[in-house]
All heavy atoms as atom14 arrays in JSON, in Angstrom:
{
  "sequence": "SLRLSCAASGRTFSSAIMAWFRQASGKEREFVA",
  "atom14_mask": [
    [1, 1, 1, 1, 1, 1, 0, 0, 0, 0, 0, 0, 0, 0],
    [1, 1, 1, 1, 1, 1, 1, 1, 0, 0, 0, 0, 0, 0],
    [1, 1, 1, 1, 1, 1, 1, 1, 1, 1, 1, 0, 0, 0],
    [1, 1, 1, 1, 1, 1, 1, 1, 0, 0, 0, 0, 0, 0],
    [1, 1, 1, 1, 1, 1, 0, 0, 0, 0, 0, 0, 0, 0],
    [1, 1, 1, 1, 1, 1, 0, 0, 0, 0, 0, 0, 0, 0],
    [1, 1, 1, 1, 1, 0, 0, 0, 0, 0, 0, 0, 0, 0],
    [1, 1, 1, 1, 1, 0, 0, 0, 0, 0, 0, 0, 0, 0],
    [1, 1, 1, 1, 1, 1, 0, 0, 0, 0, 0, 0, 0, 0],
    [1, 1, 1, 1, 0, 0, 0, 0, 0, 0, 0, 0, 0, 0],
    [1, 1, 1, 1, 1, 1, 1, 1, 1, 1, 1, 0, 0, 0],
    [1, 1, 1, 1, 1, 1, 1, 0, 0, 0, 0, 0, 0, 0],
    [1, 1, 1, 1, 1, 1, 1, 1, 1, 1, 1, 0, 0, 0],
    [1, 1, 1, 1, 1, 1, 0, 0, 0, 0, 0, 0, 0, 0],
    [1, 1, 1, 1, 1, 1, 0, 0, 0, 0, 0, 0, 0, 0],
    [1, 1, 1, 1, 1, 0, 0, 0, 0, 0, 0, 0, 0, 0],
    [1, 1, 1, 1, 1, 1, 1, 1, 0, 0, 0, 0, 0, 0],
    [1, 1, 1, 1, 1, 1, 1, 1, 0, 0, 0, 0, 0, 0],
    [1, 1, 1, 1, 1, 0, 0, 0, 0, 0, 0, 0, 0, 0],
    [1, 1, 1, 1, 1, 1, 1, 1, 1, 1, 1, 1, 1, 1],
    [1, 1, 1, 1, 1, 1, 1, 1, 1, 1, 1, 0, 0, 0],
    [1, 1, 1, 1, 1, 1, 1, 1, 1, 1, 1, 0, 0, 0],
    [1, 1, 1, 1, 1, 1, 1, 1, 1, 0, 0, 0, 0, 0],
    [1, 1, 1, 1, 1, 0, 0, 0, 0, 0, 0, 0, 0, 0],
    [1, 1, 1, 1, 1, 1, 0, 0, 0, 0, 0, 0, 0, 0],
    [1, 1, 1, 1, 0, 0, 0, 0, 0, 0, 0, 0, 0, 0],
    [1, 1, 1, 1, 1, 1, 1, 1, 1, 0, 0, 0, 0, 0],
    [1, 1, 1, 1, 1, 1, 1, 1, 1, 0, 0, 0, 0, 0],
    [1, 1, 1, 1, 1, 1, 1, 1, 1, 1, 1, 0, 0, 0],
    [1, 1, 1, 1, 1, 1, 1, 1, 1, 0, 0, 0, 0, 0],
    [1, 1, 1, 1, 1, 1, 1, 1, 1, 1, 1, 0, 0, 0],
    [1, 1, 1, 1, 1, 1, 1, 0, 0, 0, 0, 0, 0, 0],
    [1, 1, 1, 1, 1, 0, 0, 0, 0, 0, 0, 0, 0, 0]
  ],
  "atom14_positions": [
    [[61.15, 82.08, 86.52], [61.47, 81.98, 87.94], [62.9, 81.52, 88.14], [63.5, 80.87, 87.29], [60.53, 81.0, 88.64], [59.18, 81.41, 88.53], [0.0, 0.0, 0.0], [0.0, 0.0, 0.0], [0.0, 0.0, 0.0], [0.0, 0.0, 0.0], [0.0, 0.0, 0.0], [0.0, 0.0, 0.0], [0.0, 0.0, 0.0], [0.0, 0.0, 0.0]],
    [[63.42, 81.85, 89.31], [64.77, 81.46, 89.68], [64.85, 81.44, 91.2], [64.2, 82.25, 91.87], [65.78, 82.45, 89.11], [67.22, 81.99, 88.88], [67.25, 80.86, 87.85], [68.06, 83.16, 88.39], [0.0, 0.0, 0.0], [0.0, 0.0, 0.0], [0.0, 0.0, 0.0], [0.0, 0.0, 0.0], [0.0, 0.0, 0.0], [0.0, 0.0, 0.0]],
    [[65.63, 80.53, 91.73], [65.79, 80.42, 93.17], [67.25, 80.62, 93.54], [68.12, 79.9, 93.05], [65.31, 79.06, 93.68], [65.32, 78.92, 95.2], [64.79, 77.56, 95.62], [64.76, 77.4, 97.07], [63.74, 77.76, 97.84], [62.65, 78.29, 97.3], [63.8, 77.57, 99.16], [0.0, 0.0, 0.0], [0.0, 0.0, 0.0], [0.0, 0.0, 0.0]],
    [[67.51, 81.57, 94.41], [68.85, 81.84, 94.89], [69.03, 81.28, 96.3], [68.07, 81.22, 97.07], [69.13, 83.35, 94.93], [68.91, 84.13, 93.64], [69.26, 85.59, 93.86], [69.72, 83.54, 92.5], [0.0, 0.0, 0.0], [0.0, 0.0, 0.0], [0.0, 0.0, 0.0], [0.0, 0.0, 0.0], [0.0, 0.0, 0.0], [0.0, 0.0, 0.0]],
    [[70.24, 80.88, 96.61], [70.54, 80.37, 97.94], [71.75, 81.08, 98.51], [72.64, 81.5, 97.78], [70.81, 78.86, 97.88], [69.66, 78.14, 97.5], [0.0, 0.0, 0.0], [0.0, 0.0, 0.0], [0.0, 0.0, 0.0], [0.0, 0.0, 0.0], [0.0, 0.0, 0.0], [0.0, 0.0, 0.0], [0.0, 0.0, 0.0], [0.0, 0.0, 0.0]],
    [[71.76, 81.21, 99.82], [72.88, 81.8, 100.54], [73.27, 80.87, 101.66], [72.48, 80.62, 102.58], [72.48, 83.17, 101.1], [73.74, 83.92, 102.17], [0.0, 0.0, 0.0], [0.0, 0.0, 0.0], [0.0, 0.0, 0.0], [0.0, 0.0, 0.0], [0.0, 0.0, 0.0], [0.0, 0.0, 0.0], [0.0, 0.0, 0.0], [0.0, 0.0, 0.0]],
    [[74.47, 80.34, 101.57], [74.98, 79.44, 102.6], [75.87, 80.23, 103.55], [76.8, 80.9, 103.13], [75.77, 78.31, 101.96], [0.0, 0.0, 0.0], [0.0, 0.0, 0.0], [0.0, 0.0, 0.0], [0.0, 0.0, 0.0], [0.0, 0.0, 0.0], [0.0, 0.0, 0.0], [0.0, 0.0, 0.0], [0.0, 0.0, 0.0], [0.0, 0.0, 0.0]],
    [[75.56, 80.14, 104.84], [76.31, 80.86, 105.85], [77.16, 79.91, 106.68], [76.75, 78.79, 106.99], [75.36, 81.63, 106.77], [0.0, 0.0, 0.0], [0.0, 0.0, 0.0], [0.0, 0.0, 0.0], [0.0, 0.0, 0.0], [0.0, 0.0, 0.0], [0.0, 0.0, 0.0], [0.0, 0.0, 0.0], [0.0, 0.0, 0.0], [0.0, 0.0, 0.0]],
    [[78.34, 80.36, 107.03], [79.23, 79.57, 107.88], [79.96, 80.51, 108.83], [79.93, 81.72, 108.66], [80.22, 78.77, 107.04], [81.05, 79.62, 106.27], [0.0, 0.0, 0.0], [0.0, 0.0, 0.0], [0.0, 0.0, 0.0], [0.0, 0.0, 0.0], [0.0, 0.0, 0.0], [0.0, 0.0, 0.0], [0.0, 0.0, 0.0], [0.0, 0.0, 0.0]],
    [[80.63, 79.93, 109.81], [81.32, 80.74, 110.8], [80.44, 80.97, 112.01], [79.64, 80.11, 112.39], [0.0, 0.0, 0.0], [0.0, 0.0, 0.0], [0.0, 0.0, 0.0], [0.0, 0.0, 0.0], [0.0, 0.0, 0.0], [0.0, 0.0, 0.0], [0.0, 0.0, 0.0], [0.0, 0.0, 0.0], [0.0, 0.0, 0.0], [0.0, 0.0, 0.0]],
    [[80.55, 82.14, 112.61], [79.8, 82.46, 113.82], [78.41, 82.96, 113.49], [78.06, 84.12, 113.76], [80.58, 83.47, 114.65], [81.95, 82.95, 115.07], [82.72, 83.97, 115.86], [84.05, 83.48, 116.21], [84.95, 84.16, 116.89], [84.66, 85.39, 117.31], [86.14, 83.62, 117.15], [0.0, 0.0, 0.0], [0.0, 0.0, 0.0], [0.0, 0.0, 0.0]],
    [[77.61, 82.07, 112.91], [76.28, 82.45, 112.45], [75.29, 82.72, 113.58], [74.24, 83.32, 113.34], [75.7, 81.37, 111.52], [75.69, 80.11, 112.2], [76.54, 81.25, 110.26], [0.0, 0.0, 0.0], [0.0, 0.0, 0.0], [0.0, 0.0, 0.0], [0.0, 0.0, 0.0], [0.0, 0.0, 0.0], [0.0, 0.0, 0.0], [0.0, 0.0, 0.0]],
    [[75.62, 82.28, 114.78], [74.72, 82.52, 115.91], [74.52, 84.0, 116.17], [73.52, 84.4, 116.76], [75.27, 81.84, 117.17], [76.51, 82.49, 117.72], [76.42, 83.49, 118.69], [77.77, 82.1, 117.28], [77.56, 84.1, 119.2], [78.91, 82.7, 117.78], [78.8, 83.7, 118.74], [0.0, 0.0, 0.0], [0.0, 0.0, 0.0], [0.0, 0.0, 0.0]],
    [[75.47, 84.8, 115.75], [75.42, 86.24, 116.0], [74.61, 86.99, 114.94], [74.34, 88.18, 115.11], [76.83, 86.82, 116.05], [77.5, 86.67, 114.82], [0.0, 0.0, 0.0], [0.0, 0.0, 0.0], [0.0, 0.0, 0.0], [0.0, 0.0, 0.0], [0.0, 0.0, 0.0], [0.0, 0.0, 0.0], [0.0, 0.0, 0.0], [0.0, 0.0, 0.0]],
    [[74.22, 86.31, 113.88], [73.48, 86.95, 112.79], [71.98, 86.75, 112.99], [71.44, 85.71, 112.65], [73.92, 86.4, 111.44], [75.29, 86.65, 111.21], [0.0, 0.0, 0.0], [0.0, 0.0, 0.0], [0.0, 0.0, 0.0], [0.0, 0.0, 0.0], [0.0, 0.0, 0.0], [0.0, 0.0, 0.0], [0.0, 0.0, 0.0], [0.0, 0.0, 0.0]],
    [[71.33, 87.76, 113.53], [69.91, 87.69, 113.8], [69.05, 87.97, 112.57], [67.91, 87.54, 112.5], [69.54, 88.66, 114.91], [0.0, 0.0, 0.0], [0.0, 0.0, 0.0], [0.0, 0.0, 0.0], [0.0, 0.0, 0.0], [0.0, 0.0, 0.0], [0.0, 0.0, 0.0], [0.0, 0.0, 0.0], [0.0, 0.0, 0.0], [0.0, 0.0, 0.0]],
    [[69.62, 88.7, 111.62], [68.89, 89.08, 110.42], [69.7, 88.75, 109.17], [70.88, 89.07, 109.08], [68.56, 90.59, 110.44], [67.73, 90.93, 111.66], [67.84, 90.99, 109.15], [67.56, 92.41, 111.89], [0.0, 0.0, 0.0], [0.0, 0.0, 0.0], [0.0, 0.0, 0.0], [0.0, 0.0, 0.0], [0.0, 0.0, 0.0], [0.0, 0.0, 0.0]],
    [[69.06, 88.11, 108.22], [69.67, 87.8, 106.94], [68.87, 88.52, 105.86], [67.65, 88.64, 105.97], [69.67, 86.3, 106.67], [70.42, 85.48, 107.72], [72.21, 85.75, 107.65], [72.61, 84.93, 106.1], [0.0, 0.0, 0.0], [0.0, 0.0, 0.0], [0.0, 0.0, 0.0], [0.0, 0.0, 0.0], [0.0, 0.0, 0.0], [0.0, 0.0, 0.0]],
    [[69.55, 88.98, 104.84], [68.88, 89.77, 103.82], [69.47, 89.54, 102.44], [70.57, 89.01, 102.29], [68.95, 91.25, 104.17], [0.0, 0.0, 0.0], [0.0, 0.0, 0.0], [0.0, 0.0, 0.0], [0.0, 0.0, 0.0], [0.0, 0.0, 0.0], [0.0, 0.0, 0.0], [0.0, 0.0, 0.0], [0.0, 0.0, 0.0], [0.0, 0.0, 0.0]],
    [[68.71, 89.95, 101.44], [69.16, 89.97, 100.06], [69.14, 91.41, 99.56], [68.15, 92.13, 99.76], [68.28, 89.12, 99.15], [68.45, 87.65, 99.34], [67.71, 86.82, 100.13], [69.43, 86.82, 98.7], [68.17, 85.53, 100.02], [69.22, 85.5, 99.16], [70.46, 87.07, 97.79], [70.02, 84.43, 98.73], [71.25, 86.01, 97.38], [71.02, 84.72, 97.84]],
    [[70.22, 91.8, 98.93], [70.32, 93.08, 98.24], [70.65, 92.77, 96.79], [71.05, 91.66, 96.45], [71.41, 93.95, 98.85], [71.06, 94.58, 100.16], [71.05, 93.84, 101.33], [70.74, 95.93, 100.23], [70.73, 94.42, 102.54], [70.42, 96.53, 101.43], [70.41, 95.77, 102.59], [0.0, 0.0, 0.0], [0.0, 0.0, 0.0], [0.0, 0.0, 0.0]],
    [[70.51, 93.76, 95.93], [70.9, 93.59, 94.54], [71.47, 94.88, 94.0], [71.15, 95.96, 94.46], [69.72, 93.12, 93.68], [68.61, 94.14, 93.53], [67.44, 93.53, 92.79], [66.36, 94.49, 92.58], [65.19, 94.19, 92.05], [64.94, 92.93, 91.67], [64.26, 95.12, 91.89], [0.0, 0.0, 0.0], [0.0, 0.0, 0.0], [0.0, 0.0, 0.0]],
    [[72.33, 94.74, 93.01], [72.95, 95.89, 92.39], [73.03, 95.69, 90.89], [73.73, 94.81, 90.41], [74.35, 96.13, 92.95], [75.01, 97.4, 92.44], [76.26, 97.75, 93.22], [76.86, 96.9, 93.88], [76.65, 99.01, 93.17], [0.0, 0.0, 0.0], [0.0, 0.0, 0.0], [0.0, 0.0, 0.0], [0.0, 0.0, 0.0], [0.0, 0.0, 0.0]],
    [[72.3, 96.51, 90.17], [72.33, 96.48, 88.71], [73.56, 97.23, 88.23], [74.08, 98.11, 88.92], [71.07, 97.09, 88.13], [0.0, 0.0, 0.0], [0.0, 0.0, 0.0], [0.0, 0.0, 0.0], [0.0, 0.0, 0.0], [0.0, 0.0, 0.0], [0.0, 0.0, 0.0], [0.0, 0.0, 0.0], [0.0, 0.0, 0.0], [0.0, 0.0, 0.0]],
    [[74.02, 96.91, 87.04], [75.19, 97.56, 86.48], [75.0, 99.07, 86.41], [74.0, 99.55, 85.87], [75.47, 97.0, 85.08], [76.6, 97.6, 84.51], [0.0, 0.0, 0.0], [0.0, 0.0, 0.0], [0.0, 0.0, 0.0], [0.0, 0.0, 0.0], [0.0, 0.0, 0.0], [0.0, 0.0, 0.0], [0.0, 0.0, 0.0], [0.0, 0.0, 0.0]],
    [[75.95, 99.79, 86.99], [75.89, 101.24, 86.96], [74.95, 101.87, 87.96], [74.78, 103.08, 87.98], [0.0, 0.0, 0.0], [0.0, 0.0, 0.0], [0.0, 0.0, 0.0], [0.0, 0.0, 0.0], [0.0, 0.0, 0.0], [0.0, 0.0, 0.0], [0.0, 0.0, 0.0], [0.0, 0.0, 0.0], [0.0, 0.0, 0.0], [0.0, 0.0, 0.0]],
    [[74.32, 101.05, 88.81], [73.37, 101.57, 89.78], [73.81, 101.23, 91.2], [74.71, 100.42, 91.42], [71.98, 101.0, 89.52], [71.4, 101.37, 88.17], [70.01, 100.81, 87.98], [69.44, 101.19, 86.63], [68.07, 100.63, 86.45], [0.0, 0.0, 0.0], [0.0, 0.0, 0.0], [0.0, 0.0, 0.0], [0.0, 0.0, 0.0], [0.0, 0.0, 0.0]],
    [[73.15, 101.85, 92.17], [73.46, 101.61, 93.57], [72.81, 100.33, 94.05], [71.79, 99.89, 93.53], [73.01, 102.79, 94.42], [73.74, 104.08, 94.12], [73.34, 105.2, 95.05], [72.37, 105.03, 95.81], [74.0, 106.24, 95.01], [0.0, 0.0, 0.0], [0.0, 0.0, 0.0], [0.0, 0.0, 0.0], [0.0, 0.0, 0.0], [0.0, 0.0, 0.0]],
    [[73.42, 99.74, 95.07], [72.87, 98.54, 95.66], [71.56, 98.86, 96.38], [71.46, 99.87, 97.07], [73.88, 97.94, 96.63], [73.54, 96.54, 97.1], [74.71, 95.94, 97.86], [75.9, 95.84, 97.02], [77.05, 95.32, 97.43], [77.17, 94.85, 98.67], [78.09, 95.28, 96.61], [0.0, 0.0, 0.0], [0.0, 0.0, 0.0], [0.0, 0.0, 0.0]],
    [[70.56, 97.98, 96.23], [69.27, 98.22, 96.84], [68.77, 97.0, 97.61], [69.09, 95.85, 97.28], [68.23, 98.62, 95.79], [67.93, 97.54, 94.77], [66.83, 97.93, 93.8], [66.19, 98.98, 94.01], [66.62, 97.19, 92.82], [0.0, 0.0, 0.0], [0.0, 0.0, 0.0], [0.0, 0.0, 0.0], [0.0, 0.0, 0.0], [0.0, 0.0, 0.0]],
    [[67.97, 97.26, 98.61], [67.39, 96.23, 99.44], [66.35, 95.44, 98.67], [65.56, 96.0, 97.9], [66.75, 96.87, 100.68], [65.96, 95.93, 101.52], [66.59, 95.05, 102.39], [64.57, 95.91, 101.45], [65.85, 94.18, 103.18], [63.83, 95.06, 102.24], [64.48, 94.19, 103.11], [0.0, 0.0, 0.0], [0.0, 0.0, 0.0], [0.0, 0.0, 0.0]],
    [[66.32, 94.13, 98.9], [65.35, 93.26, 98.25], [64.42, 92.61, 99.28], [63.2, 92.73, 99.2], [66.03, 92.17, 97.41], [64.99, 91.22, 96.83], [66.86, 92.79, 96.3], [0.0, 0.0, 0.0], [0.0, 0.0, 0.0], [0.0, 0.0, 0.0], [0.0, 0.0, 0.0], [0.0, 0.0, 0.0], [0.0, 0.0, 0.0], [0.0, 0.0, 0.0]],
    [[65.0, 91.91, 100.24], [64.21, 91.2, 101.24], [65.06, 90.86, 102.45], [66.29, 90.8, 102.35], [63.62, 89.92, 100.64], [0.0, 0.0, 0.0], [0.0, 0.0, 0.0], [0.0, 0.0, 0.0], [0.0, 0.0, 0.0], [0.0, 0.0, 0.0], [0.0, 0.0, 0.0], [0.0, 0.0, 0.0], [0.0, 0.0, 0.0], [0.0, 0.0, 0.0]]
  ]
}
């Protein structure tokens, strides 16, 4: 297991949706959550 964190700053009030994507080496970026 592993836990990732994303810290947001700036005008965060405008961000209604937060997401995680991932990109493996040599592959396209894909949606995670």
